[in-house]
C-alpha atoms as a PDB file:
ATOM      1  CA  MET A   1       0.000   0.000   0.000  1.00  0.00           C
ATOM      2  CA  TYR A   2       1.048   3.536  -0.714  1.00  0.00           C
ATOM      3  CA  PRO A   3       0.822   6.144   2.043  1.00  0.00           C
ATOM      4  CA  PRO A   4      -2.340   8.311   1.776  1.00  0.00           C
ATOM      5  CA  VAL A   5      -0.301  11.486   1.259  1.00  0.00           C
ATOM      6  CA  LEU A   6       1.305  10.125  -1.916  1.00  0.00           C
ATOM      7  CA  ILE A   7      -2.073   9.072  -3.312  1.00  0.00           C
ATOM      8  CA  ILE A   8      -3.576  12.509  -2.597  1.00  0.00           C
ATOM      9  CA  ASN A   9      -0.579  14.259  -4.164  1.00  0.00           C
ATOM     10  CA  ASP A  10      -0.914  12.099  -7.266  1.00  0.00           C
ATOM     11  CA  LYS A  11      -4.622  12.925  -7.553  1.00  0.00           C
ATOM     12  CA  LEU A  12      -3.963  16.645  -7.048  1.00  0.00           C
ATOM     13  CA  GLY A  13      -1.236  16.534  -9.673  1.00  0.00           C
ATOM     14  CA  ASN A  14      -3.635  14.918 -12.136  1.00  0.00           C
ATOM     15  CA  PHE A  15      -6.295  17.499 -11.297  1.00  0.00           C
ATOM     16  CA  PHE A  16      -4.065  20.507 -11.976  1.00  0.00           C
ATOM     17  CA  ILE A  17      -2.685  19.000 -15.184  1.00  0.00           C
ATOM     18  CA  ASP A  18      -6.255  18.390 -16.391  1.00  0.00           C
ATOM     19  CA  ILE A  19      -7.254  21.966 -15.545  1.00  0.00           C
ATOM     20  CA  ALA A  20      -4.227  23.225 -17.494  1.00  0.00           C
ATOM     21  CA  LYS A  21      -5.298  21.184 -20.527  1.00  0.00           C
ATOM     22  CA  LEU A  22      -8.840  22.552 -20.340  1.00  0.00           C
ATOM     23  CA  VAL A  23      -7.666  26.160 -20.023  1.00  0.00           C
ATOM     24  CA  PHE A  24      -5.298  25.749 -22.959  1.00  0.00           C
ATOM     25  CA  ALA A  25      -8.004  24.162 -25.107  1.00  0.00           C
ATOM     26  CA  GLY A  26     -10.406  26.975 -24.222  1.00  0.00           C
ATOM     27  CA  VAL A  27      -7.864  29.617 -25.155  1.00  0.00           C
ATOM     28  CA  VAL A  28      -7.033  27.955 -28.463  1.00  0.00           C
ATOM     29  CA  LEU A  29     -10.688  27.429 -29.387  1.00  0.00           C
ATOM     30  CA  SER A  30     -11.726  30.951 -28.440  1.00  0.00           C
ATOM     31  CA  THR A  31      -8.977  32.496 -30.543  1.00  0.00           C
ATOM     32  CA  LEU A  32      -9.529  30.180 -33.505  1.00  0.00           C
ATOM     33  CA  LEU A  33     -13.291  30.729 -33.539  1.00  0.00           C
ATOM     34  CA  ASP A  34     -12.911  34.500 -33.112  1.00  0.00           C
ATOM     35  CA  ILE A  35     -15.268  34.538 -30.119  1.00  0.00           C
ATOM     36  CA  THR A  36     -13.519  37.292 -28.179  1.00  0.00           C
ATOM     37  CA  SER A  37     -12.559  40.766 -29.215  1.00  0.00           C
ATOM     38  CA  GLY A  38      -9.427  41.030 -27.020  1.00  0.00           C
ATOM     39  CA  LYS A  39      -7.432  38.116 -28.426  1.00  0.00           C
ATOM     40  CA  LEU A  40      -4.080  39.223 -27.029  1.00  0.00           C
ATOM     41  CA  LEU A  41      -5.399  39.519 -23.483  1.00  0.00           C
ATOM     42  CA  VAL A  42      -7.100  36.121 -23.705  1.00  0.00           C
ATOM     43  CA  LEU A  43      -3.924  34.518 -25.040  1.00  0.00           C
ATOM     44  CA  ILE A  44      -1.708  36.053 -22.354  1.00  0.00           C
ATOM     45  CA  LEU A  45      -4.057  35.148 -19.490  1.00  0.00           C
ATOM     46  CA  GLY A  46      -4.742  31.663 -20.854  1.00  0.00           C
ATOM     47  CA  ILE A  47      -1.126  30.764 -21.459  1.00  0.00           C
ATOM     48  CA  SER A  48      -0.041  32.120 -18.072  1.00  0.00           C
ATOM     49  CA  ALA A  49      -2.851  30.215 -16.316  1.00  0.00           C
ATOM     50  CA  THR A  50      -1.852  27.049 -18.184  1.00  0.00           C
ATOM     51  CA  VAL A  51       1.765  27.435 -17.112  1.00  0.00           C
ATOM     52  CA  VAL A  52       0.764  28.050 -13.481  1.00  0.00           C
ATOM     53  CA  PHE A  53      -1.515  24.992 -13.384  1.00  0.00           C
ATOM     54  CA  VAL A  54       1.175  22.787 -14.966  1.00  0.00           C
ATOM     55  CA  ILE A  55       3.778  23.967 -12.451  1.00  0.00           C
ATOM     56  CA  VAL A  56       1.417  23.349  -9.512  1.00  0.00           C
ATOM     57  CA  GLY A  57       0.471  19.927 -10.912  1.00  0.00           C
ATOM     58  CA  LEU A  58       4.086  18.902 -11.376  1.00  0.00           C
ATOM     59  CA  LYS A  59       4.899  20.161  -7.854  1.00  0.00           C
ATOM     60  CA  TYR A  60       2.326  17.748  -6.437  1.00  0.00           C
ATOM     61  CA  TYR A  61       3.688  14.922  -8.572  1.00  0.00           C
ATOM     62  CA  LYS A  62       7.211  15.475  -7.250  1.00  0.00           C
ATOM     63  CA  GLU A  63       6.213  16.021  -3.614  1.00  0.00           C
ATOM     64  CA  LYS A  64       7.137  13.044  -1.461  1.00  0.00           C
ATOM     65  CA  GLY A  65       5.619  12.341   1.926  1.00  0.00           C
ATOM     66  CA  GLY A  66       3.967  15.732   2.419  1.00  0.00           C
ATOM     67  CA  LYS A  67       7.230  17.680   2.606  1.00  0.00           C
END
C-alpha cells in the first residue's frame, strides 16, 4: 500500500494538469473561432494560467511524503 499522502498528491497533480489542458483548449478554441474581441489579453491570461496549473500539478507529482 502507498501512504495516503502520496495518493492525494498524485490525484492533485492529475487534477491541476487536467485543468491546465482545459484552459489551454479553451484559449485555443476561443482564438480560432474568433469569439472574443481582445485576443491578445485572452492569449496572455490563458497561457499564463496554463503554465501556473502545470507547475502546480508537477509540484504535487514530485512532492514526497507531504514535505
